[in-house]
Amino acid sequence: MEVKIWPRVGPIVSTPDDRENFLTSASPQAFSAAAAKRFGSGWAWMGVSPDGKIVIDSTPNQDNPLMDGVNCQKMIPILGLDVWCVTLTPGPSTRSL
């Protein structure tokens, strides 16, 4: 696998416009929505895109935004949330719950 290094983009939040972009695109609601739309297992990601913007997306299973061929926005991840979907059905094994 080839390692891709993007040029330093500078501070993420340096101007009022950057702050507004960070607060709207990286809100807890947007991050929660990315995690909630992932059915089964996968990851929700917050990262910095090649143009320096904060982006939020999710990937299935073990995939991550740095892998080639992944259906996700390209980014350098700064926060990842491991998503698991577990279903409990009534039965003898769940009585103690």
Protein backbone atom coordinates (compact mmCIF):
# COMPACT_ATOMS: atom_id res chain seq x y z
CA MET A 1 0.00 0.00 0.00
CA GLU A 2 1.33 3.40 -0.96
CA VAL A 3 1.34 6.02 1.80
CA LYS A 4 -0.08 9.35 0.69
CA ILE A 5 1.01 12.48 2.53
CA TRP A 6 -0.90 15.69 1.90
CA PRO A 7 0.73 19.07 2.39
CA ARG A 8 0.11 20.75 5.72
CA VAL A 9 -3.14 22.68 5.49
CA GLY A 10 -2.51 24.94 8.48
CA PRO A 11 -4.80 25.45 11.46
CA ILE A 12 -8.27 23.99 11.06
CA VAL A 13 -9.94 26.92 12.80
CA SER A 14 -8.13 30.20 12.16
CA THR A 15 -10.81 32.64 10.95
CA PRO A 16 -14.46 33.24 11.85
CA ASP A 17 -15.49 31.56 8.57
CA ASP A 18 -13.38 28.50 9.46
CA ARG A 19 -14.97 28.44 12.90
CA GLU A 20 -18.46 28.53 11.38
CA ASN A 21 -17.54 25.73 8.93
CA PHE A 22 -16.16 23.65 11.79
CA LEU A 23 -19.22 24.18 14.00
CA THR A 24 -21.73 23.33 11.26
CA SER A 25 -19.96 20.46 9.49
CA ALA A 26 -18.39 18.89 12.58
CA SER A 27 -21.36 19.17 14.87
CA PRO A 28 -22.19 16.29 17.19
CA GLN A 29 -25.46 15.86 15.27
CA ALA A 30 -23.65 15.40 11.95
CA PHE A 31 -21.23 12.91 13.48
CA SER A 32 -24.09 11.00 15.15
CA ALA A 33 -26.00 10.91 11.85
CA ALA A 34 -22.96 9.44 10.06
CA ALA A 35 -22.75 6.70 12.70
CA ALA A 36 -26.51 6.05 12.69
CA LYS A 37 -26.70 5.58 8.91
CA ARG A 38 -24.12 2.77 9.09
CA PHE A 39 -26.08 -0.50 9.29
CA GLY A 40 -24.19 -3.43 10.76
CA SER A 41 -20.58 -2.74 11.57
CA GLY A 42 -18.37 0.04 10.36
CA TRP A 43 -16.92 3.40 11.29
CA ALA A 44 -17.99 7.03 11.48
CA TRP A 45 -15.15 9.42 10.62
CA MET A 46 -14.34 13.09 11.08
CA GLY A 47 -11.31 14.33 9.23
CA VAL A 48 -9.65 17.01 7.16
CA SER A 49 -10.17 16.90 3.39
CA PRO A 50 -7.32 17.68 0.96
CA ASP A 51 -8.65 21.25 0.61
CA GLY A 52 -8.55 21.79 4.39
CA LYS A 53 -12.26 21.45 5.18
CA ILE A 54 -13.68 19.37 8.02
CA VAL A 55 -15.65 16.44 6.60
CA ILE A 56 -17.74 13.69 8.20
CA ASP A 57 -18.55 10.35 6.59
CA SER A 58 -18.79 6.65 7.39
CA THR A 59 -17.35 3.41 6.01
CA PRO A 60 -18.47 -0.22 6.25
CA ASN A 61 -16.69 -2.95 8.19
CA GLN A 62 -12.93 -2.39 8.56
CA ASP A 63 -12.62 0.16 5.71
CA ASN A 64 -11.13 3.60 6.34
CA PRO A 65 -10.84 6.85 4.33
CA LEU A 66 -7.15 6.27 3.58
CA MET A 67 -7.83 3.08 1.61
CA ASP A 68 -8.15 3.13 -2.19
CA GLY A 69 -11.53 2.12 -3.61
CA VAL A 70 -13.54 3.03 -0.51
CA ASN A 71 -16.87 4.82 -1.06
CA CYS A 72 -16.06 7.71 1.30
CA GLN A 73 -14.85 11.27 1.12
CA LYS A 74 -11.05 11.46 1.00
CA MET A 75 -9.73 12.77 4.30
CA ILE A 76 -7.05 12.49 6.92
CA PRO A 77 -9.01 11.04 9.87
CA ILE A 78 -8.81 12.87 13.19
CA LEU A 79 -11.65 11.04 14.95
CA GLY A 80 -13.16 7.60 14.40
CA LEU A 81 -16.11 5.88 16.05
CA ASP A 82 -16.42 2.09 15.81
CA VAL A 83 -20.08 1.27 15.02
CA TRP A 84 -21.63 -2.05 16.04
CA CYS A 85 -25.22 -3.12 15.44
CA VAL A 86 -26.34 -5.70 17.97
CA THR A 87 -29.86 -7.07 18.08
CA LEU A 88 -31.23 -8.75 21.17
CA THR A 89 -34.27 -10.93 20.75
CA PRO A 90 -36.32 -12.34 23.61
CA GLY A 91 -35.32 -15.85 24.45
CA PRO A 92 -33.64 -18.03 27.07
CA SER A 93 -30.22 -16.43 26.56
CA THR A 94 -31.47 -12.87 27.21
CA ARG A 95 -33.49 -13.45 30.39
CA SER A 96 -30.72 -12.13 32.60
CA LEU A 97 -30.72 -8.80 30.73
